[in-house]
Amino acid sequence: MTIQIGAIFDLTYSSVSHSVKAVKSAMAKEHKFRDYIEDMNSQFKV
């Protein structure tokens, strides 16, 4: 079973896509931000 993040927070596909693009852009520009996000993401990987 796959749960879509937009459904959990009652967001449209477009708003989730826009947010993902903004975060990816910030990660490309700011290495500290990218490292922070990667560290946080590693906590959720099993």
N, C-alpha and C. Protein backbone atom coordinates (compact mmCIF):
# COMPACT_ATOMS: atom_id res chain seq x y z
N MET A 1 0.85 -1.19 0.00
CA MET A 1 0.00 0.00 0.00
C MET A 1 0.89 1.24 0.00
N THR A 2 0.62 2.15 -0.91
CA THR A 2 1.36 3.39 -1.01
C THR A 2 0.47 4.54 -0.55
N ILE A 3 1.02 5.36 0.33
CA ILE A 3 0.29 6.54 0.81
C ILE A 3 0.94 7.77 0.19
N GLN A 4 0.14 8.58 -0.45
CA GLN A 4 0.64 9.80 -1.07
C GLN A 4 0.73 10.91 -0.02
N ILE A 5 1.86 11.61 0.00
CA ILE A 5 2.08 12.67 0.99
C ILE A 5 1.01 13.76 0.89
N GLY A 6 0.56 14.07 -0.31
CA GLY A 6 -0.46 15.10 -0.48
C GLY A 6 -1.77 14.73 0.20
N ALA A 7 -2.11 13.45 0.16
CA ALA A 7 -3.36 12.99 0.78
C ALA A 7 -3.31 13.14 2.29
N ILE A 8 -2.14 12.92 2.87
CA ILE A 8 -2.00 13.02 4.32
C ILE A 8 -2.24 14.45 4.79
N PHE A 9 -1.71 15.40 4.05
CA PHE A 9 -1.81 16.81 4.45
C PHE A 9 -2.85 17.59 3.65
N ASP A 10 -3.65 16.88 2.88
CA ASP A 10 -4.71 17.49 2.06
C ASP A 10 -4.13 18.55 1.11
N LEU A 11 -3.07 18.15 0.37
CA LEU A 11 -2.42 19.03 -0.58
C LEU A 11 -2.60 18.47 -1.99
N THR A 12 -2.61 19.36 -2.96
CA THR A 12 -2.72 18.92 -4.35
C THR A 12 -1.36 18.43 -4.83
N TYR A 13 -1.38 17.67 -5.92
CA TYR A 13 -0.14 17.20 -6.54
C TYR A 13 0.73 18.40 -6.92
N SER A 14 0.11 19.42 -7.45
CA SER A 14 0.83 20.61 -7.88
C SER A 14 1.56 21.29 -6.72
N SER A 15 0.92 21.42 -5.58
CA SER A 15 1.57 22.08 -4.45
C SER A 15 2.73 21.25 -3.90
N VAL A 16 2.58 19.93 -3.90
CA VAL A 16 3.68 19.07 -3.45
C VAL A 16 4.84 19.17 -4.44
N SER A 17 4.54 19.14 -5.73
CA SER A 17 5.56 19.24 -6.76
C SER A 17 6.32 20.56 -6.65
N HIS A 18 5.60 21.64 -6.43
CA HIS A 18 6.22 22.96 -6.29
C HIS A 18 7.16 22.98 -5.08
N SER A 19 6.72 22.41 -3.98
CA SER A 19 7.54 22.37 -2.77
C SER A 19 8.80 21.55 -2.98
N VAL A 20 8.67 20.43 -3.67
CA VAL A 20 9.83 19.58 -3.94
C VAL A 20 10.84 20.33 -4.81
N LYS A 21 10.36 21.03 -5.82
CA LYS A 21 11.26 21.80 -6.69
C LYS A 21 11.98 22.89 -5.90
N ALA A 22 11.27 23.55 -4.99
CA ALA A 22 11.88 24.61 -4.19
C ALA A 22 12.97 24.06 -3.27
N VAL A 23 12.72 22.91 -2.67
CA VAL A 23 13.72 22.29 -1.79
C VAL A 23 14.93 21.83 -2.60
N LYS A 24 14.69 21.21 -3.75
CA LYS A 24 15.81 20.77 -4.59
C LYS A 24 16.65 21.96 -5.04
N SER A 25 16.02 23.06 -5.36
CA SER A 25 16.74 24.26 -5.77
C SER A 25 17.59 24.79 -4.62
N ALA A 26 17.02 24.83 -3.43
CA ALA A 26 17.76 25.30 -2.25
C ALA A 26 18.93 24.37 -1.95
N MET A 27 18.72 23.07 -2.13
CA MET A 27 19.79 22.11 -1.87
C MET A 27 20.95 22.29 -2.85
N ALA A 28 20.63 22.63 -4.09
CA ALA A 28 21.66 22.83 -5.10
C ALA A 28 22.49 24.09 -4.80
N LYS A 29 21.86 25.09 -4.22
CA LYS A 29 22.53 26.37 -3.97
C LYS A 29 23.28 26.41 -2.64
N GLU A 30 22.72 25.75 -1.62
CA GLU A 30 23.28 25.87 -0.28
C GLU A 30 23.70 24.50 0.25
N HIS A 31 25.01 24.32 0.36
CA HIS A 31 25.53 23.03 0.78
C HIS A 31 25.17 22.69 2.23
N LYS A 32 25.12 23.69 3.09
CA LYS A 32 24.74 23.42 4.49
C LYS A 32 23.31 22.90 4.57
N PHE A 33 22.43 23.50 3.80
CA PHE A 33 21.03 23.07 3.76
C PHE A 33 20.93 21.65 3.22
N ARG A 34 21.69 21.37 2.14
CA ARG A 34 21.69 20.02 1.56
C ARG A 34 22.16 18.99 2.58
N ASP A 35 23.23 19.29 3.30
CA ASP A 35 23.74 18.37 4.31
C ASP A 35 22.71 18.14 5.42
N TYR A 36 22.03 19.21 5.83
CA TYR A 36 21.00 19.09 6.86
C TYR A 36 19.86 18.18 6.39
N ILE A 37 19.39 18.40 5.17
CA ILE A 37 18.29 17.59 4.63
C ILE A 37 18.73 16.13 4.48
N GLU A 38 19.93 15.90 3.99
CA GLU A 38 20.43 14.53 3.84
C GLU A 38 20.57 13.84 5.18
N ASP A 39 21.04 14.54 6.20
CA ASP A 39 21.12 13.96 7.54
C ASP A 39 19.74 13.61 8.08
N MET A 40 18.80 14.52 7.89
CA MET A 40 17.44 14.29 8.36
C MET A 40 16.82 13.11 7.60
N ASN A 41 17.02 13.06 6.30
CA ASN A 41 16.46 11.98 5.48
C ASN A 41 17.05 10.62 5.88
N SER A 42 18.31 10.60 6.26
CA SER A 42 18.94 9.33 6.63
C SER A 42 18.31 8.73 7.88
N GLN A 43 17.66 9.54 8.69
CA GLN A 43 16.99 9.04 9.90
C GLN A 43 15.75 8.21 9.56
N PHE A 44 15.19 8.39 8.36
CA PHE A 44 13.96 7.71 7.98
C PHE A 44 14.19 6.49 7.10
N LYS A 45 15.41 6.32 6.60
CA LYS A 45 15.70 5.18 5.74
C LYS A 45 15.88 3.94 6.59
N VAL A 46 15.32 2.85 6.12
CA VAL A 46 15.42 1.58 6.86
C VAL A 46 16.33 0.65 6.13
